[in-house]
Amino acid sequence: MEFRLSDCARLPGQIVFFIISAALLGYLLYKPASSFNPIGKSSFVIPLTPEITKKWGKEPVHVKTGFMIHQFINFDVIKNDFLITAIVWFEYDPTKISLETLGKFSFTKGDITQKSDPVVTKISDNLSFAKYHLRVQFNTIFDYTMFPLNDHIITLNLTNTSVSADDVIFDMSPVDFVVPEYVTVSGWNFVKHEAKSGFTEYMISHENKTTKEPKIVLSVGIQKKDIRQLVLMLLPILLLFYFCVFMLSIEEFSLKIQNILMIVTAYMAYNVVIQAMAPNVGYFMLIDYLVLFFLLVMFIIFVALMLGELPEETLAKSTYDSIKGGTVIAVYALVVGVVFYLTHYLV
């Protein structure tokens, strides 16, 4: 049986391309949706090394520190707003650092909305244990470039601005940062958590000196387990795209133009819904690229449909049928290629 390019625009050919492209798109979207791939920069902390202490000329007091997240009261990834109840504790030598100084700890990009009085226990003659119950409201460093295929690292920085890092350093081992299994959030999995101890430093220009502050970076990896948002955003876009491509199989000009204008109108209206669901950022996200790309594809299809109204002596029907078939192949190939690029090489 002889293959003709025009056959691609007919209904049987369209169905074949639809099935193949839908299967490929499902695979391309499933892979990043099912794996943990956080993007973006994390908070920076300078680890304390022997070379640094030698440069300082003294060894700072080391305070063993622990942190446990008890509950997420507010967990809003879109608005970047979090509220937790937690416990922070210090194991310290009261002859080297006072409890009053330790109690001045704080969190960068966060506010302690509630703080209990310390519960102090004497461990030995030279070691004491102090525990605080807290509520902390904070935001974190997020990169939404891959939204809605976005995994994240939530970071919370524990510091103390009342002491210098060359005087006091907070030490936290991995086992002392605890996120219990009972801490759950709807739609997300806690994949991993880690703590990095050290210090941060910055220059105060008018004083012409460097300030060093002890710092612990607490990181929690979260992976989206709810595909509802992904389906609600992408499925309507894909369905409108497929409806638009199938207009190339309709022969009556007035019917296909009327339908494609309705599809584009619905597409633009749904874009308003998408923008309401998406984070408010100043850069393009995956969903923005997809919206613009599918809009461009719809314009290409519209131009191909308009060519059908050219006179026979200008554009022969056989040539126009071949153009429609080539358009079908081109847009399906473009969709698969662009989605592959955006999901694998955008970041």
Protein backbone atom coordinates (compact mmCIF):
# COMPACT_ATOMS: atom_id res chain seq x y z
CA MET A 1 0.00 0.00 0.00
CA GLU A 2 1.44 3.33 -1.07
CA PHE A 3 1.96 5.89 1.71
CA ARG A 4 0.89 9.43 1.00
CA LEU A 5 1.67 12.42 3.18
CA SER A 6 -1.96 13.52 2.98
CA ASP A 7 -3.02 10.31 4.79
CA CYS A 8 -1.53 11.66 8.03
CA ALA A 9 -4.23 14.35 8.24
CA ARG A 10 -7.10 11.89 7.84
CA LEU A 11 -8.82 10.48 10.92
CA PRO A 12 -7.16 7.01 10.99
CA GLY A 13 -3.71 8.60 10.66
CA GLN A 14 -4.54 11.14 13.37
CA ILE A 15 -5.58 8.39 15.76
CA VAL A 16 -2.28 6.56 15.24
CA PHE A 17 -0.26 9.73 15.90
CA PHE A 18 -2.45 10.53 18.92
CA ILE A 19 -1.82 7.14 20.54
CA ILE A 20 1.94 7.24 19.90
CA SER A 21 2.39 10.82 21.12
CA ALA A 22 0.17 10.32 24.18
CA ALA A 23 2.21 7.28 25.20
CA LEU A 24 5.51 9.14 24.73
CA LEU A 25 4.29 12.20 26.63
CA GLY A 26 3.05 10.01 29.47
CA TYR A 27 6.47 8.39 29.75
CA LEU A 28 8.35 11.71 29.56
CA LEU A 29 6.19 13.26 32.28
CA TYR A 30 6.09 10.18 34.52
CA LYS A 31 9.85 9.89 34.86
CA PRO A 32 10.51 13.35 36.43
CA ALA A 33 7.24 13.16 38.41
CA SER A 34 8.22 9.87 40.07
CA SER A 35 11.86 10.64 40.89
CA PHE A 36 13.35 13.04 43.44
CA ASN A 37 15.09 15.85 41.55
CA PRO A 38 15.27 19.06 43.60
CA ILE A 39 16.74 22.12 41.94
CA GLY A 40 18.02 25.45 43.15
CA LYS A 41 20.69 26.65 45.52
CA SER A 42 20.84 25.69 49.18
CA SER A 43 22.02 27.85 52.06
CA PHE A 44 25.77 28.15 52.35
CA VAL A 45 27.75 27.41 55.50
CA ILE A 46 31.51 27.44 55.96
CA PRO A 47 32.68 24.28 57.76
CA LEU A 48 35.09 24.78 60.63
CA THR A 49 38.50 23.25 59.84
CA PRO A 50 41.82 23.10 61.71
CA GLU A 51 43.25 25.58 59.20
CA ILE A 52 40.53 28.11 60.08
CA THR A 53 40.99 27.75 63.85
CA LYS A 54 44.73 28.13 63.35
CA LYS A 55 44.07 31.33 61.42
CA TRP A 56 41.82 32.59 64.21
CA GLY A 57 44.49 31.76 66.78
CA LYS A 58 42.07 30.06 69.16
CA GLU A 59 39.63 27.18 69.41
CA PRO A 60 35.97 28.26 69.85
CA VAL A 61 33.70 26.72 72.45
CA HIS A 62 31.81 23.80 70.88
CA VAL A 63 28.15 23.49 71.83
CA LYS A 64 26.47 20.22 70.91
CA THR A 65 23.10 21.09 69.39
CA GLY A 66 20.00 19.15 68.40
CA PHE A 67 16.78 19.97 66.57
CA MET A 68 13.55 18.05 66.15
CA ILE A 69 10.61 19.06 63.98
CA HIS A 70 7.46 18.08 65.84
CA GLN A 71 4.77 19.28 63.43
CA PHE A 72 4.12 21.37 60.31
CA ILE A 73 1.22 23.63 61.25
CA ASN A 74 1.37 25.50 57.95
CA PHE A 75 2.94 24.04 54.81
CA ASP A 76 2.44 26.19 51.69
CA VAL A 77 4.98 25.52 48.97
CA ILE A 78 3.32 27.88 46.46
CA LYS A 79 3.40 30.89 48.81
CA ASN A 80 6.68 29.75 50.42
CA ASP A 81 5.25 29.99 53.92
CA PHE A 82 5.92 27.44 56.68
CA LEU A 83 5.07 27.23 60.36
CA ILE A 84 6.49 24.46 62.53
CA THR A 85 6.53 23.39 66.15
CA ALA A 86 9.99 22.15 67.10
CA ILE A 87 12.43 21.45 69.89
CA VAL A 88 15.97 22.82 69.98
CA TRP A 89 18.44 21.74 72.62
CA PHE A 90 21.99 22.55 73.65
CA GLU A 91 24.55 20.52 75.57
CA TYR A 92 27.05 23.02 76.95
CA ASP A 93 29.59 23.86 79.61
CA PRO A 94 28.08 26.67 81.75
CA THR A 95 31.57 27.77 82.80
CA LYS A 96 32.40 28.57 79.17
CA ILE A 97 29.12 29.95 77.84
CA SER A 98 26.05 31.16 79.66
CA LEU A 99 22.50 29.94 79.14
CA GLU A 100 21.44 33.54 78.59
CA THR A 101 23.77 33.78 75.58
CA LEU A 102 22.61 30.45 74.16
CA GLY A 103 18.99 31.53 74.54
CA LYS A 104 19.55 34.36 72.05
CA PHE A 105 19.56 31.92 69.11
CA SER A 106 17.50 32.85 66.07
CA PHE A 107 16.66 31.72 62.53
CA THR A 108 17.49 33.52 59.30
CA LYS A 109 14.44 34.04 57.07
CA GLY A 110 12.31 33.04 60.04
CA ASP A 111 10.65 34.37 63.16
CA ILE A 112 10.22 32.58 66.49
CA THR A 113 6.53 33.19 67.20
CA GLN A 114 6.53 31.22 70.45
CA LYS A 115 9.38 30.17 72.71
CA SER A 116 9.19 28.33 76.02
CA ASP A 117 11.40 28.90 79.00
CA PRO A 118 14.41 26.59 78.92
CA VAL A 119 14.17 23.23 80.64
CA VAL A 120 17.64 22.79 82.12
CA THR A 121 19.12 19.50 83.31
CA LYS A 122 22.56 19.02 84.80
CA ILE A 123 24.34 16.11 83.07
CA SER A 124 27.65 16.24 84.94
CA ASP A 125 29.79 18.66 86.91
CA ASN A 126 30.77 20.55 83.75
CA LEU A 127 27.90 19.80 81.35
CA SER A 128 24.31 21.04 81.29
CA PHE A 129 21.42 20.34 78.94
CA ALA A 130 18.90 23.04 77.94
CA LYS A 131 15.78 22.41 75.86
CA TYR A 132 13.40 24.92 74.24
CA HIS A 133 9.98 24.33 72.68
CA LEU A 134 9.37 26.62 69.71
CA ARG A 135 7.04 27.75 66.99
CA VAL A 136 8.95 29.06 63.98
CA GLN A 137 7.45 30.74 60.93
CA PHE A 138 9.82 30.94 57.99
CA ASN A 139 10.33 30.90 54.25
CA THR A 140 13.09 29.22 52.33
CA ILE A 141 15.07 29.26 49.09
CA PHE A 142 12.92 27.78 46.32
CA ASP A 143 13.44 27.44 42.58
CA TYR A 144 10.16 26.89 40.73
CA THR A 145 11.68 26.49 37.26
CA MET A 146 10.27 22.97 36.86
CA PHE A 147 6.81 23.74 38.27
CA PRO A 148 4.56 21.70 38.42
CA LEU A 149 7.21 18.93 38.29
CA ASN A 150 8.93 20.43 41.31
CA ASP A 151 10.73 18.79 44.21
CA HIS A 152 12.32 21.01 46.81
CA ILE A 153 14.81 21.30 49.65
CA ILE A 154 13.39 23.20 52.62
CA THR A 155 16.18 24.93 54.55
CA LEU A 156 16.13 26.56 57.96
CA ASN A 157 19.24 28.29 59.28
CA LEU A 158 19.90 28.26 63.03
CA THR A 159 22.28 30.99 64.18
CA ASN A 160 23.14 33.26 67.08
CA THR A 161 23.93 36.87 66.26
CA SER A 162 24.99 37.72 69.81
CA VAL A 163 28.24 35.72 69.65
CA SER A 164 31.09 35.41 67.22
CA ALA A 165 31.91 32.11 65.54
CA ASP A 166 35.48 32.28 66.76
CA ASP A 167 34.06 32.23 70.30
CA VAL A 168 31.21 29.70 69.92
CA ILE A 169 30.41 27.05 67.31
CA PHE A 170 27.24 24.96 67.20
CA ASP A 171 27.90 21.28 66.40
CA MET A 172 25.08 19.10 65.17
CA SER A 173 25.55 15.48 64.11
CA PRO A 174 23.15 13.85 61.61
CA VAL A 175 21.40 11.83 64.34
CA ASP A 176 20.66 14.99 66.32
CA PHE A 177 18.47 16.47 63.55
CA VAL A 178 15.25 14.50 63.79
CA VAL A 179 12.15 14.48 61.58
CA PRO A 180 9.96 11.74 63.10
CA GLU A 181 7.91 9.44 60.90
CA TYR A 182 4.70 10.82 62.36
CA VAL A 183 5.44 14.21 60.76
CA THR A 184 3.46 14.10 57.51
CA VAL A 185 2.17 16.65 55.03
CA SER A 186 -0.62 15.97 52.54
CA GLY A 187 0.69 15.58 49.00
CA TRP A 188 4.40 15.44 49.90
CA ASN A 189 6.96 12.87 51.08
CA PHE A 190 9.90 13.72 53.32
CA VAL A 191 12.73 12.07 51.40
CA LYS A 192 15.77 13.04 53.43
CA HIS A 193 17.03 15.48 56.03
CA GLU A 194 20.51 16.63 57.00
CA ALA A 195 22.33 19.22 59.07
CA LYS A 196 25.54 21.10 58.22
CA SER A 197 27.42 22.90 60.98
CA GLY A 198 29.85 25.77 60.60
CA PHE A 199 29.68 29.54 60.38
CA THR A 200 28.91 32.38 58.05
CA GLU A 201 30.81 35.62 57.63
CA TYR A 202 30.17 38.95 56.00
CA MET A 203 31.80 42.35 55.77
CA ILE A 204 30.36 45.40 57.54
CA SER A 205 31.55 48.19 55.28
CA HIS A 206 31.23 51.18 57.62
CA GLU A 207 33.06 49.31 60.40
CA ASN A 208 35.61 47.83 57.98
CA LYS A 209 35.57 44.45 59.70
CA THR A 210 34.34 40.92 59.09
CA THR A 211 31.57 39.50 61.23
CA LYS A 212 31.47 35.77 61.86
CA GLU A 213 28.38 34.02 63.21
CA PRO A 214 27.84 30.36 64.12
CA LYS A 215 25.35 28.67 61.82
CA ILE A 216 23.65 25.33 61.24
CA VAL A 217 21.85 24.68 57.96
CA LEU A 218 18.90 22.32 58.46
CA SER A 219 17.66 20.79 55.19
CA VAL A 220 14.59 18.66 54.48
CA GLY A 221 14.03 17.16 51.04
CA ILE A 222 10.37 16.99 49.95
CA GLN A 223 9.03 15.06 46.96
CA LYS A 224 5.58 15.56 45.51
CA LYS A 225 3.49 12.39 45.78
CA ASP A 226 0.18 13.91 44.69
CA ILE A 227 -0.15 14.09 40.89
CA ARG A 228 -3.51 15.86 41.12
CA GLN A 229 -2.03 19.31 40.47
CA LEU A 230 0.06 17.98 37.59
CA VAL A 231 -2.98 16.32 35.97
CA LEU A 232 -5.25 19.33 36.53
CA MET A 233 -2.75 21.63 34.85
CA LEU A 234 -1.44 19.56 31.95
CA LEU A 235 -4.40 17.35 30.95
CA PRO A 236 -6.69 20.22 29.82
CA ILE A 237 -3.81 21.78 27.86
CA LEU A 238 -3.07 18.50 26.10
CA LEU A 239 -6.74 17.80 25.36
CA LEU A 240 -7.22 21.24 23.80
CA PHE A 241 -4.07 20.69 21.75
CA TYR A 242 -5.32 17.33 20.45
CA PHE A 243 -8.73 18.81 19.62
CA CYS A 244 -6.94 21.55 17.69
CA VAL A 245 -4.84 19.07 15.69
CA PHE A 246 -7.93 17.01 14.86
CA MET A 247 -9.41 20.10 13.18
CA LEU A 248 -7.05 19.30 10.29
CA SER A 249 -9.19 16.23 9.58
CA ILE A 250 -12.38 18.27 9.09
CA GLU A 251 -13.18 19.30 5.52
CA GLU A 252 -15.80 22.00 6.09
CA PHE A 253 -13.96 25.29 6.49
CA SER A 254 -16.55 27.20 8.54
CA LEU A 255 -16.88 24.33 11.03
CA LYS A 256 -13.16 23.88 11.63
CA ILE A 257 -12.50 27.63 11.95
CA GLN A 258 -15.38 28.01 14.38
CA ASN A 259 -14.12 25.08 16.45
CA ILE A 260 -10.50 26.18 16.53
CA LEU A 261 -11.47 29.69 17.63
CA MET A 262 -13.51 28.13 20.46
CA ILE A 263 -10.54 25.95 21.41
CA VAL A 264 -8.12 28.90 21.49
CA THR A 265 -10.60 30.93 23.56
CA ALA A 266 -10.95 28.07 26.06
CA TYR A 267 -7.16 27.71 26.10
CA MET A 268 -6.61 31.37 26.93
CA ALA A 269 -9.29 31.25 29.64
CA TYR A 270 -7.69 28.19 31.20
CA ASN A 271 -4.34 29.96 31.22
CA VAL A 272 -5.85 32.39 33.75
CA VAL A 273 -6.63 29.40 35.97
CA ILE A 274 -3.07 28.12 35.60
CA GLN A 275 -1.59 31.47 36.61
CA ALA A 276 -3.77 31.46 39.75
CA MET A 277 -2.45 27.99 40.68
CA ALA A 278 1.21 28.74 39.91
CA PRO A 279 3.77 30.50 42.15
CA ASN A 280 4.21 34.24 41.62
CA VAL A 281 7.79 34.46 40.33
CA GLY A 282 9.68 36.74 37.97
CA TYR A 283 11.06 34.04 35.66
CA PHE A 284 9.64 31.45 33.26
CA MET A 285 8.62 28.08 34.65
CA LEU A 286 8.03 24.78 32.86
CA ILE A 287 4.29 25.41 32.75
CA ASP A 288 4.86 28.85 31.16
CA TYR A 289 7.00 27.37 28.38
CA LEU A 290 4.37 24.70 27.73
CA VAL A 291 1.54 27.24 27.59
CA LEU A 292 3.41 29.44 25.11
CA PHE A 293 4.54 26.48 23.03
CA PHE A 294 1.06 24.99 22.66
CA LEU A 295 -0.28 28.43 21.79
CA LEU A 296 2.34 28.67 19.03
CA VAL A 297 1.35 25.20 17.76
CA MET A 298 -2.30 26.26 17.64
CA PHE A 299 -1.31 29.28 15.56
CA ILE A 300 0.59 27.03 13.13
CA ILE A 301 -2.49 24.82 12.78
CA PHE A 302 -4.67 27.89 12.22
CA VAL A 303 -2.37 29.07 9.41
CA ALA A 304 -2.47 25.60 7.85
CA LEU A 305 -6.28 25.68 7.94
CA MET A 306 -6.39 29.13 6.35
CA LEU A 307 -4.30 27.90 3.43
CA GLY A 308 -7.27 25.75 2.44
CA GLU A 309 -9.16 28.85 1.39
CA LEU A 310 -6.64 29.79 -1.29
CA PRO A 311 -7.92 29.39 -4.87
CA GLU A 312 -7.26 26.07 -6.62
CA GLU A 313 -5.02 27.77 -9.19
CA THR A 314 -2.87 29.17 -6.35
CA LEU A 315 -2.70 26.05 -4.20
CA ALA A 316 -3.78 22.71 -5.61
CA LYS A 317 -5.92 20.50 -3.38
CA SER A 318 -3.40 17.65 -3.48
CA THR A 319 -0.66 20.02 -2.40
CA TYR A 320 -2.83 21.40 0.41
CA ASP A 321 -3.64 17.88 1.61
CA SER A 322 0.09 17.15 1.74
CA ILE A 323 0.65 20.37 3.71
CA LYS A 324 -1.98 19.28 6.25
CA GLY A 325 -0.36 15.85 6.55
CA GLY A 326 3.07 17.40 7.00
CA THR A 327 1.67 19.79 9.60
CA VAL A 328 0.26 16.85 11.58
CA ILE A 329 3.64 15.08 11.58
CA ALA A 330 5.50 18.30 12.43
CA VAL A 331 3.32 19.34 15.40
CA TYR A 332 3.29 15.86 16.96
CA ALA A 333 7.07 15.57 16.58
CA LEU A 334 7.52 19.09 17.97
CA VAL A 335 5.36 18.37 21.01
CA VAL A 336 7.29 15.23 21.93
CA GLY A 337 10.65 16.90 21.26
CA VAL A 338 9.88 20.07 23.20
CA VAL A 339 8.45 18.18 26.21
CA PHE A 340 11.53 15.94 26.20
CA TYR A 341 13.82 18.96 26.18
CA LEU A 342 11.91 20.85 28.88
CA THR A 343 11.72 17.88 31.25
CA HIS A 344 15.36 16.79 30.80
CA TYR A 345 17.43 19.85 29.87
CA LEU A 346 15.56 22.94 31.10
CA VAL A 347 17.74 23.05 34.25
